[in-house]
Amino acid sequence: MTNPFATTEGAQAQRNLFRALATADDGAMADFAKEVVAGRLTPRDLLTRDWAVESTMDDTLAEIDRFHRLPETEQAALVAEGPAFLDEYITGLANADVEPPRPEDDDEQGPVLRDAW
């Protein structure tokens, strides 16, 4: 399977996703998303953050276990529906109207130049 985020539409979807995450709340994920939007980190860097791995690993493993407990016919149906679902998800994200976070919202950036005058 080709990486759907390697396409133009997929790249736009990923930018919109991280913009939305950056403005959604003030937690660790929002801080990470702000770094991605600013270009200081990449989405792949999330895999190296202990807090992210720990916070999602239990949920991920539980969902995998739940999938494996489904009857084979339901598993097959979900697998068959997967590519269409992913295409729809990416198209929706790519076309979402998401404003990037304003620089003054980014505490790591420091004061805005006009504040220094």
N, C-alpha and C. Protein backbone atom coordinates (compact mmCIF):
# COMPACT_ATOMS: atom_id res chain seq x y z
N MET A 1 0.84 -1.18 0.00
CA MET A 1 0.00 0.00 0.00
C MET A 1 0.89 1.25 0.00
N THR A 2 0.55 2.18 -0.84
CA THR A 2 1.26 3.45 -0.91
C THR A 2 0.88 4.30 0.29
N ASN A 3 1.84 5.04 0.82
CA ASN A 3 1.56 5.93 1.94
C ASN A 3 0.60 7.02 1.48
N PRO A 4 -0.61 7.05 2.00
CA PRO A 4 -1.59 8.05 1.54
C PRO A 4 -1.20 9.47 1.90
N PHE A 5 -0.33 9.65 2.87
CA PHE A 5 0.11 10.99 3.25
C PHE A 5 1.25 11.49 2.37
N ALA A 6 1.74 10.63 1.46
CA ALA A 6 2.80 11.03 0.53
C ALA A 6 2.24 11.75 -0.70
N THR A 7 0.93 11.75 -0.85
CA THR A 7 0.30 12.45 -1.97
C THR A 7 0.12 13.93 -1.61
N THR A 8 -0.19 14.75 -2.60
CA THR A 8 -0.43 16.17 -2.35
C THR A 8 -1.61 16.35 -1.39
N GLU A 9 -2.68 15.60 -1.65
CA GLU A 9 -3.86 15.68 -0.79
C GLU A 9 -3.54 15.17 0.62
N GLY A 10 -2.77 14.11 0.70
CA GLY A 10 -2.39 13.57 2.00
C GLY A 10 -1.52 14.52 2.80
N ALA A 11 -0.60 15.18 2.12
CA ALA A 11 0.26 16.16 2.81
C ALA A 11 -0.57 17.32 3.33
N GLN A 12 -1.55 17.77 2.54
CA GLN A 12 -2.44 18.85 3.00
C GLN A 12 -3.29 18.38 4.18
N ALA A 13 -3.75 17.15 4.12
CA ALA A 13 -4.53 16.59 5.22
C ALA A 13 -3.70 16.57 6.50
N GLN A 14 -2.45 16.16 6.38
CA GLN A 14 -1.58 16.10 7.55
C GLN A 14 -1.31 17.50 8.10
N ARG A 15 -1.09 18.49 7.24
CA ARG A 15 -0.90 19.87 7.70
C ARG A 15 -2.15 20.35 8.45
N ASN A 16 -3.32 20.09 7.87
CA ASN A 16 -4.56 20.52 8.53
C ASN A 16 -4.77 19.82 9.86
N LEU A 17 -4.44 18.55 9.92
CA LEU A 17 -4.58 17.80 11.17
C LEU A 17 -3.72 18.42 12.26
N PHE A 18 -2.45 18.71 11.95
CA PHE A 18 -1.57 19.27 12.97
C PHE A 18 -1.94 20.71 13.30
N ARG A 19 -2.47 21.46 12.35
CA ARG A 19 -2.97 22.81 12.66
C ARG A 19 -4.13 22.72 13.63
N ALA A 20 -5.04 21.80 13.37
CA ALA A 20 -6.19 21.63 14.26
C ALA A 20 -5.74 21.19 15.65
N LEU A 21 -4.82 20.25 15.71
CA LEU A 21 -4.32 19.79 17.01
C LEU A 21 -3.61 20.91 17.76
N ALA A 22 -2.90 21.76 17.04
CA ALA A 22 -2.16 22.85 17.66
C ALA A 22 -3.09 23.88 18.30
N THR A 23 -4.27 24.03 17.77
CA THR A 23 -5.20 25.02 18.31
C THR A 23 -6.26 24.42 19.21
N ALA A 24 -6.29 23.09 19.32
CA ALA A 24 -7.36 22.40 20.04
C ALA A 24 -7.29 22.55 21.55
N ASP A 25 -6.11 22.42 22.11
CA ASP A 25 -5.99 22.50 23.57
C ASP A 25 -4.58 22.90 23.94
N ASP A 26 -4.29 22.86 25.24
CA ASP A 26 -2.98 23.27 25.71
C ASP A 26 -2.13 22.11 26.20
N GLY A 27 -2.49 20.89 25.85
CA GLY A 27 -1.78 19.72 26.34
C GLY A 27 -0.51 19.44 25.56
N ALA A 28 0.08 18.30 25.88
CA ALA A 28 1.34 17.89 25.25
C ALA A 28 1.18 17.69 23.75
N MET A 29 0.04 17.16 23.33
CA MET A 29 -0.16 16.95 21.89
C MET A 29 -0.25 18.28 21.16
N ALA A 30 -0.90 19.27 21.76
CA ALA A 30 -0.98 20.60 21.15
C ALA A 30 0.41 21.21 21.05
N ASP A 31 1.22 21.05 22.09
CA ASP A 31 2.59 21.56 22.05
C ASP A 31 3.39 20.89 20.94
N PHE A 32 3.23 19.57 20.81
CA PHE A 32 3.92 18.85 19.75
C PHE A 32 3.45 19.34 18.39
N ALA A 33 2.14 19.48 18.23
CA ALA A 33 1.58 19.92 16.95
C ALA A 33 2.09 21.32 16.58
N LYS A 34 2.23 22.19 17.56
CA LYS A 34 2.77 23.53 17.29
C LYS A 34 4.20 23.43 16.75
N GLU A 35 4.96 22.52 17.28
CA GLU A 35 6.33 22.32 16.80
C GLU A 35 6.34 21.81 15.36
N VAL A 36 5.39 20.93 15.03
CA VAL A 36 5.28 20.41 13.66
C VAL A 36 4.88 21.54 12.72
N VAL A 37 3.87 22.30 13.11
CA VAL A 37 3.40 23.41 12.27
C VAL A 37 4.51 24.43 12.06
N ALA A 38 5.31 24.67 13.08
CA ALA A 38 6.42 25.62 12.97
C ALA A 38 7.59 25.07 12.16
N GLY A 39 7.58 23.77 11.90
CA GLY A 39 8.65 23.16 11.12
C GLY A 39 9.85 22.71 11.93
N ARG A 40 9.73 22.74 13.25
CA ARG A 40 10.85 22.31 14.10
C ARG A 40 10.85 20.81 14.35
N LEU A 41 9.70 20.15 14.15
CA LEU A 41 9.58 18.70 14.27
C LEU A 41 8.79 18.19 13.08
N THR A 42 8.86 16.89 12.86
CA THR A 42 8.07 16.26 11.82
C THR A 42 7.05 15.34 12.49
N PRO A 43 5.97 15.00 11.80
CA PRO A 43 5.01 14.08 12.40
C PRO A 43 5.66 12.77 12.85
N ARG A 44 6.65 12.31 12.13
CA ARG A 44 7.34 11.07 12.49
C ARG A 44 8.03 11.17 13.85
N ASP A 45 8.40 12.37 14.25
CA ASP A 45 9.05 12.56 15.55
C ASP A 45 8.15 12.17 16.72
N LEU A 46 6.85 12.09 16.49
CA LEU A 46 5.92 11.67 17.54
C LEU A 46 6.26 10.27 18.03
N LEU A 47 6.80 9.44 17.15
CA LEU A 47 7.14 8.07 17.53
C LEU A 47 8.29 8.00 18.53
N THR A 48 9.00 9.09 18.71
CA THR A 48 10.13 9.09 19.64
C THR A 48 9.81 9.79 20.95
N ARG A 49 8.60 10.23 21.14
CA ARG A 49 8.20 10.92 22.37
C ARG A 49 7.60 9.92 23.34
N ASP A 50 8.26 9.75 24.48
CA ASP A 50 7.79 8.77 25.47
C ASP A 50 6.34 8.99 25.86
N TRP A 51 5.94 10.23 26.12
CA TRP A 51 4.58 10.51 26.57
C TRP A 51 3.57 10.08 25.51
N ALA A 52 3.91 10.23 24.25
CA ALA A 52 2.97 9.86 23.18
C ALA A 52 2.86 8.35 23.07
N VAL A 53 3.98 7.69 23.12
CA VAL A 53 3.97 6.23 23.01
C VAL A 53 3.21 5.63 24.19
N GLU A 54 3.50 6.10 25.39
CA GLU A 54 2.83 5.57 26.58
C GLU A 54 1.33 5.87 26.57
N SER A 55 0.96 7.07 26.13
CA SER A 55 -0.45 7.44 26.20
C SER A 55 -1.30 6.74 25.15
N THR A 56 -0.70 6.30 24.08
CA THR A 56 -1.49 5.67 23.03
C THR A 56 -1.32 4.15 22.96
N MET A 57 -0.27 3.63 23.55
CA MET A 57 0.02 2.21 23.41
C MET A 57 -1.08 1.33 23.98
N ASP A 58 -1.56 1.63 25.18
CA ASP A 58 -2.61 0.80 25.78
C ASP A 58 -3.88 0.82 24.94
N ASP A 59 -4.27 2.01 24.47
CA ASP A 59 -5.46 2.12 23.63
C ASP A 59 -5.28 1.37 22.31
N THR A 60 -4.12 1.51 21.73
CA THR A 60 -3.84 0.84 20.46
C THR A 60 -3.89 -0.67 20.62
N LEU A 61 -3.24 -1.18 21.63
CA LEU A 61 -3.24 -2.63 21.87
C LEU A 61 -4.64 -3.14 22.17
N ALA A 62 -5.43 -2.36 22.88
CA ALA A 62 -6.81 -2.77 23.18
C ALA A 62 -7.64 -2.84 21.90
N GLU A 63 -7.46 -1.88 21.00
CA GLU A 63 -8.20 -1.90 19.73
C GLU A 63 -7.76 -3.08 18.85
N ILE A 64 -6.48 -3.37 18.85
CA ILE A 64 -5.99 -4.52 18.08
C ILE A 64 -6.58 -5.81 18.64
N ASP A 65 -6.60 -5.93 19.95
CA ASP A 65 -7.17 -7.11 20.59
C ASP A 65 -8.66 -7.23 20.27
N ARG A 66 -9.37 -6.10 20.32
CA ARG A 66 -10.79 -6.10 20.00
C ARG A 66 -11.04 -6.54 18.56
N PHE A 67 -10.19 -6.08 17.64
CA PHE A 67 -10.30 -6.48 16.24
C PHE A 67 -10.12 -7.99 16.09
N HIS A 68 -9.12 -8.54 16.78
CA HIS A 68 -8.85 -9.97 16.67
C HIS A 68 -9.94 -10.83 17.30
N ARG A 69 -10.73 -10.29 18.20
CA ARG A 69 -11.84 -11.03 18.80
C ARG A 69 -13.09 -11.03 17.93
N LEU A 70 -13.12 -10.18 16.91
CA LEU A 70 -14.28 -10.14 16.01
C LEU A 70 -14.34 -11.41 15.17
N PRO A 71 -15.53 -11.79 14.74
CA PRO A 71 -15.64 -12.92 13.81
C PRO A 71 -14.88 -12.60 12.52
N GLU A 72 -14.40 -13.62 11.85
CA GLU A 72 -13.60 -13.43 10.64
C GLU A 72 -14.34 -12.63 9.58
N THR A 73 -15.64 -12.81 9.48
CA THR A 73 -16.40 -12.08 8.46
C THR A 73 -16.38 -10.57 8.74
N GLU A 74 -16.48 -10.19 10.01
CA GLU A 74 -16.42 -8.77 10.37
C GLU A 74 -15.02 -8.22 10.15
N GLN A 75 -14.00 -9.02 10.48
CA GLN A 75 -12.62 -8.59 10.23
C GLN A 75 -12.42 -8.33 8.74
N ALA A 76 -12.88 -9.26 7.92
CA ALA A 76 -12.71 -9.13 6.47
C ALA A 76 -13.45 -7.89 5.95
N ALA A 77 -14.63 -7.64 6.47
CA ALA A 77 -15.39 -6.46 6.04
C ALA A 77 -14.67 -5.17 6.41
N LEU A 78 -14.13 -5.11 7.62
CA LEU A 78 -13.39 -3.92 8.04
C LEU A 78 -12.14 -3.70 7.19
N VAL A 79 -11.44 -4.78 6.90
CA VAL A 79 -10.24 -4.69 6.07
C VAL A 79 -10.62 -4.21 4.66
N ALA A 80 -11.71 -4.73 4.13
CA ALA A 80 -12.15 -4.33 2.79
C ALA A 80 -12.58 -2.86 2.76
N GLU A 81 -13.19 -2.38 3.83
CA GLU A 81 -13.66 -0.99 3.89
C GLU A 81 -12.53 -0.01 4.22
N GLY A 82 -11.42 -0.50 4.70
CA GLY A 82 -10.32 0.35 5.15
C GLY A 82 -9.82 1.37 4.14
N PRO A 83 -9.47 0.96 2.93
CA PRO A 83 -8.95 1.94 1.97
C PRO A 83 -9.95 3.06 1.64
N ALA A 84 -11.21 2.72 1.48
CA ALA A 84 -12.22 3.74 1.17
C ALA A 84 -12.40 4.69 2.36
N PHE A 85 -12.39 4.14 3.57
CA PHE A 85 -12.50 4.97 4.76
C PHE A 85 -11.32 5.94 4.84
N LEU A 86 -10.11 5.42 4.60
CA LEU A 86 -8.91 6.25 4.67
C LEU A 86 -8.94 7.35 3.61
N ASP A 87 -9.36 7.01 2.39
CA ASP A 87 -9.48 8.02 1.34
C ASP A 87 -10.45 9.12 1.73
N GLU A 88 -11.59 8.72 2.28
CA GLU A 88 -12.59 9.70 2.71
C GLU A 88 -12.07 10.56 3.85
N TYR A 89 -11.36 9.96 4.78
CA TYR A 89 -10.79 10.67 5.92
C TYR A 89 -9.77 11.70 5.44
N ILE A 90 -8.89 11.29 4.55
CA ILE A 90 -7.86 12.20 4.04
C ILE A 90 -8.49 13.33 3.23
N THR A 91 -9.45 13.02 2.40
CA THR A 91 -10.12 14.05 1.61
C THR A 91 -10.80 15.06 2.53
N GLY A 92 -11.46 14.58 3.56
CA GLY A 92 -12.11 15.47 4.52
C GLY A 92 -11.11 16.37 5.22
N LEU A 93 -10.00 15.81 5.66
CA LEU A 93 -8.97 16.61 6.32
C LEU A 93 -8.34 17.61 5.37
N ALA A 94 -8.05 17.17 4.16
CA ALA A 94 -7.41 18.04 3.18
C ALA A 94 -8.28 19.24 2.83
N ASN A 95 -9.59 19.05 2.84
CA ASN A 95 -10.51 20.12 2.47
C ASN A 95 -11.02 20.90 3.67
N ALA A 96 -10.58 20.55 4.86
CA ALA A 96 -11.03 21.26 6.06
C ALA A 96 -10.46 22.68 6.07
N ASP A 97 -11.25 23.59 6.56
CA ASP A 97 -10.81 24.98 6.68
C ASP A 97 -10.24 25.17 8.08
N VAL A 98 -8.93 24.99 8.19
CA VAL A 98 -8.26 25.05 9.49
C VAL A 98 -7.26 26.20 9.46
N GLU A 99 -7.39 27.08 10.42
CA GLU A 99 -6.46 28.20 10.53
C GLU A 99 -5.20 27.73 11.26
N PRO A 100 -4.04 28.10 10.76
CA PRO A 100 -2.83 27.76 11.51
C PRO A 100 -2.77 28.56 12.80
N PRO A 101 -2.12 28.02 13.82
CA PRO A 101 -2.03 28.77 15.08
C PRO A 101 -1.23 30.05 14.88
N ARG A 102 -1.64 31.09 15.55
CA ARG A 102 -0.93 32.37 15.45
C ARG A 102 0.39 32.27 16.21
N PRO A 103 1.44 32.92 15.72
CA PRO A 103 2.74 32.85 16.39
C PRO A 103 2.69 33.30 17.84
N GLU A 104 1.86 34.28 18.18
CA GLU A 104 1.82 34.73 19.57
C GLU A 104 1.20 33.69 20.51
N ASP A 105 0.58 32.65 19.95
CA ASP A 105 0.06 31.56 20.77
C ASP A 105 1.16 30.57 21.14
N ASP A 106 2.31 30.66 20.50
CA ASP A 106 3.40 29.70 20.68
C ASP A 106 4.36 30.23 21.73
N ASP A 107 4.27 29.72 22.97
CA ASP A 107 5.12 30.19 24.06
C ASP A 107 6.59 29.98 23.79
N GLU A 108 6.94 28.97 23.02
CA GLU A 108 8.35 28.66 22.75
C GLU A 108 9.00 29.73 21.87
N GLN A 109 8.20 30.47 21.14
CA GLN A 109 8.75 31.44 20.20
C GLN A 109 9.23 32.70 20.90
N GLY A 110 8.73 32.98 22.07
CA GLY A 110 9.13 34.18 22.79
C GLY A 110 8.25 35.36 22.42
N PRO A 111 8.63 36.55 22.90
CA PRO A 111 7.78 37.71 22.64
C PRO A 111 7.78 38.09 21.17
N VAL A 112 6.67 38.63 20.73
CA VAL A 112 6.56 39.14 19.38
C VAL A 112 7.38 40.41 19.30
N LEU A 113 8.06 40.66 18.20
CA LEU A 113 8.97 41.80 18.06
C LEU A 113 8.32 43.12 18.42
N ARG A 114 7.06 43.32 18.05
CA ARG A 114 6.41 44.60 18.35
C ARG A 114 6.29 44.83 19.85
N ASP A 115 6.31 43.76 20.65
CA ASP A 115 6.23 43.91 22.10
C ASP A 115 7.56 44.39 22.69
N ALA A 116 8.62 44.23 21.93
CA ALA A 116 9.94 44.62 22.44
C ALA A 116 10.21 46.11 22.28
N TRP A 117 9.42 46.80 21.44
CA TRP A 117 9.66 48.22 21.19
C TRP A 117 9.02 49.05 22.22
